Amino acid sequence: MIDKALMKILVCPKCKGEIHYNSNKDGLVCDACQLEYPIRDDIPVMLIDEAKSLAV
C-alpha cells in the first residue's frame, strides 16, 4: 500500500486529475483518461508510457 500522504498529492500525469486504486490494489486508475498506472514494489509508476489503457 502507498502511504496515505503520498496518495493525497498524487495525480494523473496526463490530465492532473484524481486517481484511485484499482480493485486489486495493484494499480492506480484515472477515470478521466481511462488509464491505469502500475504499482511495482509499493512504488507507483506514474509514467504515461507505462500506463495501461482501460478504454474498451
Protein backbone atom coordinates (compact mmCIF):
# COMPACT_ATOMS: atom_id res chain seq x y z
CA MET A 1 0.00 0.00 0.00
CA ILE A 2 1.08 3.52 -0.79
CA ASP A 3 1.48 5.99 2.07
CA LYS A 4 -1.73 7.97 2.63
CA ALA A 5 0.10 11.30 2.50
CA LEU A 6 1.55 10.39 -0.90
CA MET A 7 -1.85 9.31 -2.23
CA LYS A 8 -3.25 12.74 -1.33
CA ILE A 9 -0.75 14.51 -3.61
CA LEU A 10 -0.55 12.01 -6.49
CA VAL A 11 -2.44 12.98 -9.64
CA CYS A 12 -2.66 11.63 -13.16
CA PRO A 13 0.42 12.88 -15.05
CA LYS A 14 -1.63 13.25 -18.24
CA CYS A 15 -4.62 15.32 -17.09
CA LYS A 16 -3.66 16.19 -13.48
CA GLY A 17 -6.94 14.61 -12.36
CA GLU A 18 -7.70 12.43 -9.37
CA ILE A 19 -6.56 8.82 -9.22
CA HIS A 20 -7.66 5.87 -7.10
CA TYR A 21 -6.69 2.24 -6.53
CA ASN A 22 -7.97 -0.41 -8.91
CA SER A 23 -9.97 -3.30 -7.48
CA ASN A 24 -6.82 -5.43 -6.92
CA LYS A 25 -4.91 -2.50 -5.39
CA ASP A 26 -2.01 -3.19 -7.77
CA GLY A 27 -2.55 -0.11 -9.90
CA LEU A 28 -3.81 3.46 -9.84
CA VAL A 29 -6.66 4.46 -12.14
CA CYS A 30 -7.52 7.78 -13.74
CA ASP A 31 -11.18 7.62 -14.75
CA ALA A 32 -10.95 10.73 -16.94
CA CYS A 33 -8.10 9.37 -19.10
CA GLN A 34 -9.11 5.70 -18.78
CA LEU A 35 -5.53 4.82 -17.81
CA GLU A 36 -4.14 2.52 -15.13
CA TYR A 37 -0.69 3.18 -13.73
CA PRO A 38 1.10 0.12 -12.28
CA ILE A 39 2.41 -0.18 -8.74
CA ARG A 40 5.69 -2.09 -8.54
CA ASP A 41 7.28 -2.95 -5.19
CA ASP A 42 4.91 -0.47 -3.47
CA ILE A 43 6.08 2.33 -5.79
CA PRO A 44 3.58 3.89 -8.21
CA VAL A 45 4.97 4.13 -11.75
CA MET A 46 3.42 7.42 -12.85
CA LEU A 47 4.71 7.44 -16.43
CA ILE A 48 2.22 7.85 -19.26
CA ASP A 49 4.20 5.40 -21.41
CA GLU A 50 3.89 2.72 -18.68
CA ALA A 51 0.14 3.17 -18.22
CA LYS A 52 -2.34 0.58 -19.47
CA SER A 53 -5.36 1.80 -21.39
CA LEU A 54 -8.72 0.86 -19.90
CA ALA A 55 -10.70 2.12 -22.90
CA VAL A 56 -12.89 -0.53 -24.45
